[in-house]
Protein backbone atom coordinates (compact mmCIF):
# COMPACT_ATOMS: atom_id res chain seq x y z
CA MET A 1 15.11 5.35 11.22
CA SER A 2 14.51 2.18 13.20
CA ASP A 3 12.29 -0.64 12.04
CA LYS A 4 8.70 -0.28 13.18
CA LYS A 5 5.87 -2.75 12.63
CA ILE A 6 2.16 -2.19 13.06
CA ASN A 7 -0.29 -5.08 13.22
CA THR A 8 -3.75 -4.17 11.97
CA ILE A 9 -6.72 -5.60 10.09
CA LEU A 10 -8.04 -4.89 6.59
CA SER A 11 -11.82 -5.03 6.42
CA GLU A 12 -14.05 -5.41 3.37
CA GLN A 13 -14.64 -2.03 1.69
CA GLY A 14 -17.21 -3.19 -0.86
CA ASP A 15 -20.75 -4.39 -0.42
CA ARG A 16 -19.96 -8.02 0.40
CA GLU A 17 -20.67 -9.06 3.96
CA ASP A 18 -19.28 -12.60 3.63
CA VAL A 19 -15.61 -11.57 3.38
CA SER A 20 -13.48 -12.16 6.47
CA PRO A 21 -11.11 -9.38 7.56
CA ILE A 22 -7.42 -9.99 6.83
CA PRO A 23 -4.74 -9.39 9.46
CA VAL A 24 -1.79 -7.46 8.02
CA VAL A 25 1.56 -6.14 9.16
CA ILE A 26 2.70 -2.70 8.04
CA ASP A 27 6.50 -2.73 8.26
CA PHE A 28 8.37 0.58 8.08
CA GLY A 29 11.93 -0.34 7.11
CA GLY A 30 11.69 -4.13 6.83
CA GLY A 31 10.21 -6.06 3.96
CA ALA A 32 10.65 -8.88 1.46
CA GLY A 33 12.76 -11.15 3.58
CA GLY A 34 14.69 -8.12 4.83
CA ALA A 35 16.23 -7.74 1.37
CA VAL A 36 15.07 -4.16 0.95
CA GLY A 37 16.74 -1.29 2.81
CA LEU A 38 15.22 1.43 4.94
CA GLY A 39 13.06 4.17 3.50
CA HIS A 40 10.03 2.16 2.47
CA VAL A 41 6.74 0.74 3.71
CA TRP A 42 6.03 -3.00 3.31
CA LEU A 43 2.47 -4.35 3.64
CA GLU A 44 2.13 -8.10 4.18
CA ALA A 45 -1.07 -10.11 4.66
CA LYS A 46 -0.89 -12.51 7.61
CA ASP A 47 -3.64 -14.86 6.56
CA GLY A 48 -3.76 -18.46 5.34
CA ARG A 49 -5.17 -17.23 2.02
CA PHE A 50 -1.91 -15.47 1.18
CA THR A 51 1.82 -16.19 1.53
CA THR A 52 4.75 -14.19 2.84
CA GLU A 53 5.95 -13.88 -0.77
CA GLN A 54 2.89 -11.75 -1.60
CA GLY A 55 3.04 -8.14 -0.58
CA VAL A 56 3.09 -4.48 -1.50
CA LEU A 57 6.03 -2.13 -1.10
CA LEU A 58 5.94 1.67 -1.25
CA GLU A 59 9.40 3.11 -1.74
CA LEU A 60 11.38 6.13 -2.84
CA TYR A 61 13.89 4.82 -5.40
CA ASP A 62 16.35 7.11 -7.23
CA GLY A 63 14.07 10.05 -6.42
CA ASP A 64 10.92 8.35 -7.74
CA LEU A 65 8.00 7.24 -5.58
CA ARG A 66 6.75 3.82 -6.68
CA VAL A 67 4.61 0.90 -5.58
CA ILE A 68 5.98 -2.61 -6.09
CA VAL A 69 3.61 -5.58 -5.99
CA TRP A 70 4.33 -9.29 -5.55
CA ALA A 71 0.90 -10.60 -6.60
CA ASP A 72 2.02 -14.07 -7.68
CA PRO A 73 3.65 -16.22 -4.97
CA GLU A 74 5.15 -18.42 -7.69
CA GLN A 75 7.34 -15.54 -8.94
CA GLU A 76 10.40 -14.35 -7.06
CA ASP A 77 10.46 -10.99 -8.84
CA PRO A 78 7.69 -8.40 -8.44
CA THR A 79 4.73 -8.74 -10.79
CA HIS A 80 4.09 -4.97 -10.99
CA ILE A 81 6.17 -1.81 -10.54
CA ILE A 82 3.93 1.24 -10.58
CA PRO A 83 5.46 4.74 -10.65
CA ILE A 84 3.54 7.38 -8.69
CA GLU A 85 3.58 10.69 -10.53
CA PRO A 86 3.32 13.99 -8.64
CA MET A 87 -0.06 15.74 -8.83
CA SER A 88 -0.35 18.71 -11.13
CA GLU A 89 -1.31 21.97 -9.43
CA GLU A 90 -4.66 21.93 -11.29
CA PHE A 91 -5.49 18.41 -10.08
CA ARG A 92 -4.35 19.23 -6.54
CA LYS A 93 -6.81 22.16 -6.38
CA GLU A 94 -9.63 19.98 -7.73
CA TYR A 95 -8.74 17.20 -5.27
CA GLU A 96 -8.68 19.59 -2.32
CA ARG A 97 -12.05 21.04 -3.37
CA ASP A 98 -13.74 17.66 -3.90
CA PHE A 99 -12.25 15.74 -0.95
CA LYS A 100 -12.67 17.33 2.42
CA ASP A 101 -13.97 16.34 5.80
CA GLY A 102 -11.57 13.46 6.52
CA GLY A 103 -11.25 12.20 2.95
CA GLN A 104 -14.95 11.86 2.23
CA ALA A 105 -16.18 13.05 -1.16
CA VAL A 106 -18.07 16.33 -0.92
CA PRO A 107 -20.84 16.94 -3.50
CA THR A 108 -19.86 19.74 -5.89
CA GLU A 109 -23.40 20.64 -6.98
């Protein structure tokens, strides 16, 4: 897998209209100063409100899918490591029933 970067913009998802969009880079195979190997996705905000030490990494590590967050630019180590558990078959069926049509919630009534 070769390194691939996508430049995009995150827009406000809530009700606030006074929030400026944030340019971000999605890096497939790069990341935290290049210290992390291939097989992950690194999301870095490219905005004066954030630093290059703040980011989010999605990786497969020892067979476990996890999200790693550097929320505090004053800390070298990640502030959060969040394991992503596989969906149970019951939840998957409920999810597929409730979320259709491009990810939009479908009323169940």
